[in-house]
Amino acid sequence: MAQTRTPDPNSGWFSDDELKEIRQRLPLMYVEAVPVRVDSYSVITEVGLLLRVNREGSMNRTLVSGRVLFGETLRDALFRHLEKDLGPMAFPQLPVSPQPAQVAEYFPEPDAKYTDFRQHAVALVYVVPVTGTCEPRQDALEITWMSPEEAVSDSIASELEGGRGQLLRSALASVGALP
């Protein structure tokens, strides 16, 4: 007789139905990361943006992003999502302090500064140097490295959904990467 396993009630994961219900009732906590390459003076030389296919089937650029699980520290969540999206050889240099470069509040309304039509969410945004080889995994097709100025250009910003073009500009400005 096959043994049925009971899911761990403290795993931090929800079924699709549970997550849908939770998203309708509570704001969720996310971390977002802007992967960057820096020179020997810690000056940002390149910004990495992921290329993905969205739910509607069109290509768009985005940041490393994901939920913080119940009981998970911000550092652990940030590391998990960087490794998930960039691969295990990216070697992210996590910040010493959990102080984010920006905080973004996403709303399901189209006129909000930052939008996520699935939910109300709060994201802590970090600018994270990576020193290794990035090989996108999961639903990311590729990572494109570009100068900070190119990354915040109008043409690239238009490829970032939910106001992330403006968020990217703010995050890079907060760490001195933009004039």
Protein backbone atom coordinates (compact mmCIF):
# COMPACT_ATOMS: atom_id res chain seq x y z
CA MET A 1 0.00 0.00 0.00
CA ALA A 2 1.38 3.39 -1.01
CA GLN A 3 2.10 5.78 1.81
CA THR A 4 0.51 9.24 1.50
CA ARG A 5 2.72 12.10 2.64
CA THR A 6 1.17 15.01 4.46
CA PRO A 7 2.51 18.36 3.23
CA ASP A 8 4.60 20.27 5.76
CA PRO A 9 2.20 22.94 7.13
CA ASN A 10 5.16 25.27 7.73
CA SER A 11 6.83 24.88 4.35
CA GLY A 12 6.15 28.45 3.23
CA TRP A 13 4.49 27.25 0.01
CA PHE A 14 0.84 27.62 -0.90
CA SER A 15 -1.26 25.80 -3.43
CA ASP A 16 -2.34 27.87 -6.44
CA ASP A 17 -5.84 28.25 -4.98
CA GLU A 18 -4.52 29.28 -1.55
CA LEU A 19 -2.17 31.82 -3.11
CA LYS A 20 -4.97 33.30 -5.23
CA GLU A 21 -7.15 33.72 -2.14
CA ILE A 22 -4.30 35.20 -0.09
CA ARG A 23 -3.45 37.66 -2.88
CA GLN A 24 -7.02 38.97 -2.73
CA ARG A 25 -6.82 39.61 1.02
CA LEU A 26 -3.26 40.53 2.01
CA PRO A 27 -0.29 42.40 0.61
CA LEU A 28 2.61 40.02 -0.03
CA MET A 29 6.31 40.66 0.62
CA TYR A 30 8.77 40.34 -2.26
CA VAL A 31 12.44 40.98 -2.88
CA GLU A 32 13.67 42.32 -6.20
CA ALA A 33 17.29 42.52 -7.29
CA VAL A 34 19.09 44.54 -9.92
CA PRO A 35 22.14 42.43 -10.83
CA VAL A 36 25.16 44.59 -11.63
CA ARG A 37 28.83 44.24 -12.55
CA VAL A 38 31.22 46.60 -10.82
CA ASP A 39 34.82 47.63 -11.44
CA SER A 40 37.63 47.55 -8.86
CA TYR A 41 36.32 50.83 -7.38
CA SER A 42 32.80 49.37 -6.99
CA VAL A 43 31.50 51.63 -9.76
CA ILE A 44 28.64 49.99 -11.63
CA THR A 45 29.72 49.25 -15.19
CA GLU A 46 26.87 46.98 -16.32
CA VAL A 47 23.28 46.23 -15.37
CA GLY A 48 21.73 42.83 -16.04
CA LEU A 49 18.09 42.57 -17.10
CA LEU A 50 16.27 39.30 -17.60
CA LEU A 51 14.30 38.54 -20.74
CA ARG A 52 11.10 36.55 -20.16
CA VAL A 53 7.87 35.64 -21.88
CA ASN A 54 4.94 37.06 -19.90
CA ARG A 55 1.53 35.44 -19.35
CA GLU A 56 0.19 37.00 -22.55
CA GLY A 57 3.00 35.45 -24.56
CA SER A 58 4.99 38.61 -25.30
CA MET A 59 8.64 39.17 -24.44
CA ASN A 60 9.57 41.65 -21.74
CA ARG A 61 12.51 42.57 -19.56
CA THR A 62 12.38 42.29 -15.82
CA LEU A 63 14.38 42.21 -12.61
CA VAL A 64 15.19 39.23 -10.44
CA SER A 65 12.12 38.94 -8.26
CA GLY A 66 10.19 36.65 -5.95
CA ARG A 67 8.22 36.18 -2.75
CA VAL A 68 9.69 36.02 0.72
CA LEU A 69 8.54 32.76 2.28
CA PHE A 70 7.16 32.47 5.80
CA GLY A 71 10.09 32.24 8.23
CA GLU A 72 12.66 33.12 5.57
CA THR A 73 15.12 35.96 6.15
CA LEU A 74 15.42 38.72 3.53
CA ARG A 75 19.00 37.64 2.82
CA ASP A 76 17.93 34.05 2.26
CA ALA A 77 15.06 35.11 -0.02
CA LEU A 78 17.33 37.40 -2.01
CA PHE A 79 19.98 34.71 -2.41
CA ARG A 80 17.39 32.06 -3.37
CA HIS A 81 15.88 34.22 -6.11
CA LEU A 82 19.25 35.34 -7.46
CA GLU A 83 20.38 31.73 -7.70
CA LYS A 84 17.03 30.62 -9.15
CA ASP A 85 17.07 33.28 -11.89
CA LEU A 86 20.82 33.67 -12.58
CA GLY A 87 22.13 30.19 -11.85
CA PRO A 88 24.37 28.82 -9.09
CA MET A 89 27.58 30.26 -10.57
CA ALA A 90 26.46 33.93 -10.50
CA PHE A 91 28.15 34.48 -7.12
CA PRO A 92 26.05 37.40 -5.87
CA GLN A 93 27.64 39.72 -3.33
CA LEU A 94 24.75 40.25 -0.93
CA PRO A 95 24.68 43.51 0.98
CA VAL A 96 25.97 43.46 4.55
CA SER A 97 22.81 45.23 5.70
CA PRO A 98 19.26 44.30 4.70
CA GLN A 99 18.65 48.00 3.91
CA PRO A 100 17.08 48.09 0.41
CA ALA A 101 18.00 50.61 -2.28
CA GLN A 102 14.28 51.20 -2.88
CA VAL A 103 10.87 50.06 -1.68
CA ALA A 104 8.13 49.52 -4.25
CA GLU A 105 4.46 49.10 -3.47
CA TYR A 106 2.56 47.35 -6.25
CA PHE A 107 -1.21 47.71 -6.65
CA PRO A 108 -3.62 45.86 -8.96
CA GLU A 109 -4.93 49.16 -10.42
CA PRO A 110 -3.66 50.37 -13.82
CA ASP A 111 -3.09 53.98 -12.67
CA ALA A 112 -0.75 53.03 -9.79
CA LYS A 113 2.94 54.00 -9.93
CA TYR A 114 3.86 50.30 -9.74
CA THR A 115 1.34 47.72 -10.90
CA ASP A 116 0.84 44.00 -10.44
CA PHE A 117 -2.61 43.00 -11.59
CA ARG A 118 -2.52 39.83 -9.46
CA GLN A 119 -2.13 41.50 -6.08
CA HIS A 120 -1.12 44.21 -3.67
CA ALA A 121 2.56 43.60 -2.92
CA VAL A 122 5.50 45.33 -1.28
CA ALA A 123 8.96 44.72 -2.73
CA LEU A 124 12.30 45.54 -1.16
CA VAL A 125 14.66 46.33 -4.03
CA TYR A 126 18.40 45.64 -3.84
CA VAL A 127 21.25 46.44 -6.21
CA VAL A 128 23.45 43.34 -6.05
CA PRO A 129 26.89 42.91 -7.64
CA VAL A 130 27.44 39.51 -9.23
CA THR A 131 30.92 38.27 -10.02
CA GLY A 132 30.36 34.91 -11.65
CA THR A 133 28.81 33.47 -14.77
CA CYS A 134 25.08 34.08 -15.13
CA GLU A 135 23.07 31.41 -16.88
CA PRO A 136 19.38 32.21 -16.47
CA ARG A 137 17.13 29.40 -15.31
CA GLN A 138 13.44 28.91 -14.59
CA ASP A 139 11.35 31.12 -16.89
CA ALA A 140 14.13 33.57 -17.79
CA LEU A 141 15.35 33.17 -21.38
CA GLU A 142 18.50 35.27 -21.09
CA ILE A 143 20.21 38.03 -19.17
CA THR A 144 21.33 41.06 -21.13
CA TRP A 145 24.17 43.19 -19.77
CA MET A 146 24.13 46.88 -20.64
CA SER A 147 25.48 50.17 -19.36
CA PRO A 148 23.46 51.88 -16.62
CA GLU A 149 22.52 54.65 -19.07
CA GLU A 150 21.27 52.15 -21.64
CA ALA A 151 19.36 50.18 -18.97
CA VAL A 152 17.33 53.25 -18.01
CA SER A 153 16.77 54.48 -21.57
CA ASP A 154 13.19 55.01 -22.70
CA SER A 155 13.36 52.06 -25.11
CA ILE A 156 14.47 49.60 -22.40
CA ALA A 157 12.15 51.11 -19.76
CA SER A 158 9.20 50.46 -22.09
CA GLU A 159 10.10 46.73 -22.05
CA LEU A 160 9.86 46.58 -18.25
CA GLU A 161 6.34 45.91 -16.94
CA GLY A 162 4.54 47.36 -13.96
CA GLY A 163 6.60 50.54 -13.62
CA ARG A 164 9.87 48.65 -13.21
CA GLY A 165 11.58 51.02 -15.65
CA GLN A 166 11.06 53.84 -13.18
CA LEU A 167 11.98 51.54 -10.29
CA LEU A 168 15.23 50.57 -12.02
CA ARG A 169 16.11 54.24 -12.57
CA SER A 170 15.42 55.04 -8.89
CA ALA A 171 17.41 52.05 -7.61
CA LEU A 172 20.45 52.87 -9.76
CA ALA A 173 20.27 56.55 -8.84
CA SER A 174 20.14 55.67 -5.13
CA VAL A 175 23.52 53.90 -5.38
CA GLY A 176 25.14 56.66 -7.45
CA ALA A 177 25.11 54.83 -10.80
CA LEU A 178 23.30 57.65 -12.63
CA PRO A 179 24.06 61.36 -12.81
